PDB file of N, CA and C in Angstrom:
ATOM      1  N   UNK A   1      30.484 -28.649  29.956  1.00  0.00           N
ATOM      2  CA  UNK A   1      29.824 -29.015  28.678  1.00  0.00           C
ATOM      3  C   UNK A   1      30.868 -28.114  27.442  1.00  0.00           C
ATOM      4  N   UNK A   2      30.951 -28.476  26.536  1.00  0.00           N
ATOM      5  CA  UNK A   2      31.345 -27.517  25.547  1.00  0.00           C
ATOM      6  C   UNK A   2      31.011 -27.342  24.582  1.00  0.00           C
ATOM      7  N   UNK A   3      30.660 -25.803  23.760  1.00  0.00           N
ATOM      8  CA  UNK A   3      29.483 -25.215  22.970  1.00  0.00           C
ATOM      9  C   UNK A   3      30.486 -25.553  21.291  1.00  0.00           C
ATOM     10  N   UNK A   4      30.427 -25.829  20.822  1.00  0.00           N
ATOM     11  CA  UNK A   4      29.990 -25.685  19.139  1.00  0.00           C
ATOM     12  C   UNK A   4      29.982 -23.858  18.799  1.00  0.00           C
ATOM     13  N   UNK A   5      31.091 -23.863  17.823  1.00  0.00           N
ATOM     14  CA  UNK A   5      31.784 -22.930  17.815  1.00  0.00           C
ATOM     15  C   UNK A   5      30.114 -22.373  17.028  1.00  0.00           C
ATOM     16  N   UNK A   6      29.584 -21.183  15.969  1.00  0.00           N
ATOM     17  CA  UNK A   6      29.386 -20.957  15.690  1.00  0.00           C
ATOM     18  C   UNK A   6      29.633 -20.613  13.664  1.00  0.00           C
ATOM     19  N   UNK A   7      29.010 -21.215  12.469  1.00  0.00           N
ATOM     20  CA  UNK A   7      29.813 -20.441  11.497  1.00  0.00           C
ATOM     21  C   UNK A   7      29.001 -19.597  11.491  1.00  0.00           C
ATOM     22  N   UNK A   8      30.283 -18.667  10.799  1.00  0.00           N
ATOM     23  CA  UNK A   8      29.610 -17.305  10.389  1.00  0.00           C
ATOM     24  C   UNK A   8      28.425 -17.269   9.459  1.00  0.00           C
ATOM     25  N   UNK A   9      29.165 -18.233   8.550  1.00  0.00           N
ATOM     26  CA  UNK A   9      28.390 -18.388   6.770  1.00  0.00           C
ATOM     27  C   UNK A   9      27.146 -18.697   7.128  1.00  0.00           C
ATOM     28  N   UNK A  10      26.428 -19.776   8.049  1.00  0.00           N
ATOM     29  CA  UNK A  10      25.107 -20.201   8.442  1.00  0.00           C
ATOM     30  C   UNK A  10      24.118 -18.657   9.823  1.00  0.00           C
ATOM     31  N   UNK A  11      24.811 -18.033   9.893  1.00  0.00           N
ATOM     32  CA  UNK A  11      24.348 -17.600  10.847  1.00  0.00           C
ATOM     33  C   UNK A  11      22.944 -16.857  10.279  1.00  0.00           C
ATOM     34  N   UNK A  12      22.513 -16.500   9.077  1.00  0.00           N
ATOM     35  CA  UNK A  12      21.655 -16.466   8.466  1.00  0.00           C
ATOM     36  C   UNK A  12      19.977 -17.399   9.283  1.00  0.00           C
ATOM     37  N   UNK A  13      20.461 -18.731   8.821  1.00  0.00           N
ATOM     38  CA  UNK A  13      19.428 -19.994   8.914  1.00  0.00           C
ATOM     39  C   UNK A  13      19.156 -19.094  10.212  1.00  0.00           C
ATOM     40  N   UNK A  14      18.019 -19.363  10.020  1.00  0.00           N
ATOM     41  CA  UNK A  14      17.145 -20.108  11.896  1.00  0.00           C
ATOM     42  C   UNK A  14      16.688 -21.917  11.741  1.00  0.00           C
ATOM     43  N   UNK A  15      16.545 -22.271  12.996  1.00  0.00           N
ATOM     44  CA  UNK A  15      16.019 -23.958  12.756  1.00  0.00           C
ATOM     45  C   UNK A  15      14.295 -23.476  11.933  1.00  0.00           C
ATOM     46  N   UNK A  16      14.066 -24.755  11.405  1.00  0.00           N
ATOM     47  CA  UNK A  16      12.315 -25.220  11.298  1.00  0.00           C
ATOM     48  C   UNK A  16      11.825 -25.383  12.154  1.00  0.00           C
ATOM     49  N   UNK A  17      12.718 -25.819  13.788  1.00  0.00           N
ATOM     50  CA  UNK A  17      11.489 -26.389  14.920  1.00  0.00           C
ATOM     51  C   UNK A  17      10.782 -26.168  16.362  1.00  0.00           C
ATOM     52  N   UNK A  18       9.379 -25.746  14.920  1.00  0.00           N
ATOM     53  CA  UNK A  18       8.095 -25.166  16.057  1.00  0.00           C
ATOM     54  C   UNK A  18       8.141 -25.429  17.166  1.00  0.00           C
ATOM     55  N   UNK A  19       8.980 -25.185  18.518  1.00  0.00           N
ATOM     56  CA  UNK A  19       8.395 -25.187  19.588  1.00  0.00           C
ATOM     57  C   UNK A  19       7.232 -25.302  20.774  1.00  0.00           C
ATOM     58  N   UNK A  20       6.236 -24.022  19.784  1.00  0.00           N
ATOM     59  CA  UNK A  20       5.446 -23.021  20.690  1.00  0.00           C
ATOM     60  C   UNK A  20       6.170 -21.665  21.251  1.00  0.00           C
ATOM     61  N   UNK A  21       5.631 -21.144  22.313  1.00  0.00           N
ATOM     62  CA  UNK A  21       5.883 -19.906  22.198  1.00  0.00           C
ATOM     63  C   UNK A  21       7.364 -20.012  22.945  1.00  0.00           C
ATOM     64  N   UNK A  22       7.991 -18.779  22.870  1.00  0.00           N
ATOM     65  CA  UNK A  22       9.062 -18.444  23.550  1.00  0.00           C
ATOM     66  C   UNK A  22       9.604 -16.972  23.299  1.00  0.00           C
ATOM     67  N   UNK A  23      10.711 -16.523  24.209  1.00  0.00           N
ATOM     68  CA  UNK A  23      10.677 -15.798  24.432  1.00  0.00           C
ATOM     69  C   UNK A  23      11.384 -15.025  22.922  1.00  0.00           C
ATOM     70  N   UNK A  24      12.243 -15.393  21.795  1.00  0.00           N
ATOM     71  CA  UNK A  24      12.313 -14.702  21.257  1.00  0.00           C
ATOM     72  C   UNK A  24      10.987 -14.834  20.071  1.00  0.00           C
ATOM     73  N   UNK A  25      10.391 -15.184  19.749  1.00  0.00           N
ATOM     74  CA  UNK A  25       9.362 -15.985  18.591  1.00  0.00           C
ATOM     75  C   UNK A  25       8.573 -14.458  19.564  1.00  0.00           C
ATOM     76  N   UNK A  26       8.666 -14.571  20.950  1.00  0.00           N
ATOM     77  CA  UNK A  26       7.360 -13.033  21.485  1.00  0.00           C
ATOM     78  C   UNK A  26       8.734 -12.044  21.178  1.00  0.00           C
ATOM     79  N   UNK A  27      10.190 -11.679  21.662  1.00  0.00           N
ATOM     80  CA  UNK A  27      10.113 -10.347  20.819  1.00  0.00           C
ATOM     81  C   UNK A  27      10.113  -9.667  19.750  1.00  0.00           C
ATOM     82  N   UNK A  28      10.750 -11.057  18.460  1.00  0.00           N
ATOM     83  CA  UNK A  28      10.239 -10.602  16.945  1.00  0.00           C
ATOM     84  C   UNK A  28       9.158 -10.229  16.647  1.00  0.00           C
ATOM     85  N   UNK A  29       7.999 -10.536  17.519  1.00  0.00           N
ATOM     86  CA  UNK A  29       6.625 -10.407  16.851  1.00  0.00           C
ATOM     87  C   UNK A  29       6.208  -8.981  17.412  1.00  0.00           C
ATOM     88  N   UNK A  30       7.079  -8.764  18.162  1.00  0.00           N
ATOM     89  CA  UNK A  30       6.674  -7.159  18.940  1.00  0.00           C
ATOM     90  C   UNK A  30       7.639  -6.223  18.119  1.00  0.00           C
ATOM     91  N   UNK A  31       8.205  -6.632  17.475  1.00  0.00           N
ATOM     92  CA  UNK A  31       9.565  -5.514  16.227  1.00  0.00           C
ATOM     93  C   UNK A  31       8.748  -5.547  15.796  1.00  0.00           C
ATOM     94  N   UNK A  32       8.280  -6.697  15.241  1.00  0.00           N
ATOM     95  CA  UNK A  32       6.775  -6.737  14.128  1.00  0.00           C
ATOM     96  C   UNK A  32       5.487  -5.477  14.000  1.00  0.00           C
ATOM     97  N   UNK A  33       5.051  -5.993  15.269  1.00  0.00           N
ATOM     98  CA  UNK A  33       4.223  -4.796  15.886  1.00  0.00           C
ATOM     99  C   UNK A  33       4.405  -3.556  15.516  1.00  0.00           C
ATOM    100  N   UNK A  34       5.502  -2.875  16.167  1.00  0.00           N
ATOM    101  CA  UNK A  34       6.211  -1.607  16.506  1.00  0.00           C
ATOM    102  C   UNK A  34       6.341  -1.340  15.571  1.00  0.00           C
ATOM    103  N   UNK A  35       6.577  -2.031  14.534  1.00  0.00           N
ATOM    104  CA  UNK A  35       7.072  -1.435  12.508  1.00  0.00           C
ATOM    105  C   UNK A  35       6.416  -1.250  12.510  1.00  0.00           C
ATOM    106  N   UNK A  36       4.886  -1.731  12.106  1.00  0.00           N
ATOM    107  CA  UNK A  36       3.706  -1.661  11.094  1.00  0.00           C
ATOM    108  C   UNK A  36       2.864  -1.515  12.251  1.00  0.00           C
ATOM    109  N   UNK A  37       2.594  -0.354  13.430  1.00  0.00           N
ATOM    110  CA  UNK A  37       2.099  -0.401  14.480  1.00  0.00           C
ATOM    111  C   UNK A  37       1.081   0.560  13.606  1.00  0.00           C
ATOM    112  N   UNK A  38       0.702   1.506  12.634  1.00  0.00           N
ATOM    113  CA  UNK A  38       0.197   1.798  12.258  1.00  0.00           C
ATOM    114  C   UNK A  38      -1.211   1.641  11.493  1.00  0.00           C
ATOM    115  N   UNK A  39      -0.997   0.223  11.330  1.00  0.00           N
ATOM    116  CA  UNK A  39      -1.732  -0.684  10.244  1.00  0.00           C
ATOM    117  C   UNK A  39      -2.513  -1.842  10.341  1.00  0.00           C
ATOM    118  N   UNK A  40      -3.187  -2.477  10.367  1.00  0.00           N
ATOM    119  CA  UNK A  40      -4.052  -2.962  11.041  1.00  0.00           C
ATOM    120  C   UNK A  40      -4.162  -4.902   9.504  1.00  0.00           C
ATOM    121  N   UNK A  41      -4.660  -5.393  10.565  1.00  0.00           N
ATOM    122  CA  UNK A  41      -4.789  -6.717   9.575  1.00  0.00           C
ATOM    123  C   UNK A  41      -6.163  -6.479   8.712  1.00  0.00           C
ATOM    124  N   UNK A  42      -5.951  -6.566   7.121  1.00  0.00           N
ATOM    125  CA  UNK A  42      -7.846  -6.389   7.100  1.00  0.00           C
ATOM    126  C   UNK A  42      -8.567  -5.473   7.019  1.00  0.00           C
ATOM    127  N   UNK A  43      -6.873  -4.222   7.325  1.00  0.00           N
ATOM    128  CA  UNK A  43      -7.927  -2.496   6.888  1.00  0.00           C
ATOM    129  C   UNK A  43      -8.687  -2.588   5.672  1.00  0.00           C
ATOM    130  N   UNK A  44      -9.693  -2.231   5.597  1.00  0.00           N
ATOM    131  CA  UNK A  44     -10.259  -1.913   3.972  1.00  0.00           C
ATOM    132  C   UNK A  44      -9.871  -0.504   3.596  1.00  0.00           C
ATOM    133  N   UNK A  45      -9.488   0.456   4.193  1.00  0.00           N
ATOM    134  CA  UNK A  45      -9.436   2.484   3.256  1.00  0.00           C
ATOM    135  C   UNK A  45      -8.122   2.228   3.898  1.00  0.00           C
ATOM    136  N   UNK A  46      -7.548   3.132   2.905  1.00  0.00           N
ATOM    137  CA  UNK A  46      -5.709   3.838   3.301  1.00  0.00           C
ATOM    138  C   UNK A  46      -5.782   4.731   4.580  1.00  0.00           C
ATOM    139  N   UNK A  47      -5.235   4.814   4.883  1.00  0.00           N
ATOM    140  CA  UNK A  47      -4.634   5.513   6.468  1.00  0.00           C
ATOM    141  C   UNK A  47      -4.726   7.254   5.713  1.00  0.00           C
ATOM    142  N   UNK A  48      -5.046   8.130   6.419  1.00  0.00           N
ATOM    143  CA  UNK A  48      -4.947   9.937   5.564  1.00  0.00           C
ATOM    144  C   UNK A  48      -3.925  10.627   7.316  1.00  0.00           C
ATOM    145  N   UNK A  49      -2.872  11.150   6.735  1.00  0.00           N
ATOM    146  CA  UNK A  49      -2.451  12.224   7.720  1.00  0.00           C
ATOM    147  C   UNK A  49      -3.061  13.668   7.439  1.00  0.00           C
ATOM    148  N   UNK A  50      -3.409  14.256   8.415  1.00  0.00           N
ATOM    149  CA  UNK A  50      -3.990  14.636   9.241  1.00  0.00           C
ATOM    150  C   UNK A  50      -3.948  16.002   8.254  1.00  0.00           C
ATOM    151  N   UNK A  51      -1.956  16.627   7.640  1.00  0.00           N
ATOM    152  CA  UNK A  51      -3.112  17.189   6.364  1.00  0.00           C
ATOM    153  C   UNK A  51      -3.243  17.419   5.637  1.00  0.00           C
ATOM    154  N   UNK A  52      -3.766  16.250   5.130  1.00  0.00           N
ATOM    155  CA  UNK A  52      -4.653  15.883   3.596  1.00  0.00           C
ATOM    156  C   UNK A  52      -5.635  15.621   4.108  1.00  0.00           C
ATOM    157  N   UNK A  53      -5.739  14.697   5.534  1.00  0.00           N
ATOM    158  CA  UNK A  53      -6.883  15.413   5.543  1.00  0.00           C
ATOM    159  C   UNK A  53      -8.395  17.439   5.574  1.00  0.00           C
ATOM    160  N   UNK A  54      -7.523  17.633   6.312  1.00  0.00           N
ATOM    161  CA  UNK A  54      -6.879  18.902   6.191  1.00  0.00           C
ATOM    162  C   UNK A  54      -7.770  19.502   5.404  1.00  0.00           C
ATOM    163  N   UNK A  55      -6.978  19.495   3.800  1.00  0.00           N
ATOM    164  CA  UNK A  55      -6.934  19.757   2.657  1.00  0.00           C
ATOM    165  C   UNK A  55      -7.644  19.527   1.837  1.00  0.00           C
ATOM    166  N   UNK A  56      -8.731  17.958   2.194  1.00  0.00           N
ATOM    167  CA  UNK A  56      -9.803  17.438   1.667  1.00  0.00           C
ATOM    168  C   UNK A  56     -11.661  18.457   2.145  1.00  0.00           C
ATOM    169  N   UNK A  57     -10.285  18.823   3.434  1.00  0.00           N
ATOM    170  CA  UNK A  57     -11.915  20.040   4.303  1.00  0.00           C
ATOM    171  C   UNK A  57     -12.285  21.209   3.244  1.00  0.00           C
ATOM    172  N   UNK A  58     -10.902  21.574   3.087  1.00  0.00           N
ATOM    173  CA  UNK A  58     -11.041  22.911   2.722  1.00  0.00           C
ATOM    174  C   UNK A  58     -11.403  23.455   1.202  1.00  0.00           C
ATOM    175  N   UNK A  59     -11.205  22.195   0.677  1.00  0.00           N
ATOM    176  CA  UNK A  59     -11.567  21.918  -1.202  1.00  0.00           C
ATOM    177  C   UNK A  59     -12.931  21.492  -0.860  1.00  0.00           C
ATOM    178  N   UNK A  60     -13.913  21.100   0.114  1.00  0.00           N
ATOM    179  CA  UNK A  60     -15.109  20.431   0.592  1.00  0.00           C
ATOM    180  C   UNK A  60     -16.051  21.951   0.980  1.00  0.00           C
ATOM    181  N   UNK A  61     -15.485  22.435   1.154  1.00  0.00           N
ATOM    182  CA  UNK A  61     -15.892  23.486   1.521  1.00  0.00           C
ATOM    183  C   UNK A  61     -15.495  24.637   0.929  1.00  0.00           C
ATOM    184  N   UNK A  62     -14.779  24.898   0.065  1.00  0.00           N
ATOM    185  CA  UNK A  62     -14.473  25.898  -1.058  1.00  0.00           C
ATOM    186  C   UNK A  62     -15.269  25.710  -2.140  1.00  0.00           C
ATOM    187  N   UNK A  63     -15.598  23.666  -1.945  1.00  0.00           N
ATOM    188  CA  UNK A  63     -17.068  23.556  -3.916  1.00  0.00           C
ATOM    189  C   UNK A  63     -18.370  24.169  -2.788  1.00  0.00           C
ATOM    190  N   UNK A  64     -18.612  23.786  -1.492  1.00  0.00           N
ATOM    191  CA  UNK A  64     -19.980  23.917  -1.088  1.00  0.00           C
ATOM    192  C   UNK A  64     -20.253  25.561  -1.499  1.00  0.00           C
ATOM    193  N   UNK A  65     -19.487  26.453  -1.088  1.00  0.00           N
ATOM    194  CA  UNK A  65     -19.965  28.122  -1.205  1.00  0.00           C
ATOM    195  C   UNK A  65     -20.417  28.603  -2.743  1.00  0.00           C
TER     196      UNK A  65
END
């Protein structure tokens, strides 16, 4: 069976047919999770770096003294 040559002009276009779970969808989902592993859906609060948290603690401690 001869394969149809791919046109580079249409390489960025994906099919719209959803055939359920597949390895490519799974790897795309994993890549998405790896990019945003620090953030979860529906988080109410913004996350702090440890250094920012330490500065806040120092400020509160200096105010309470």
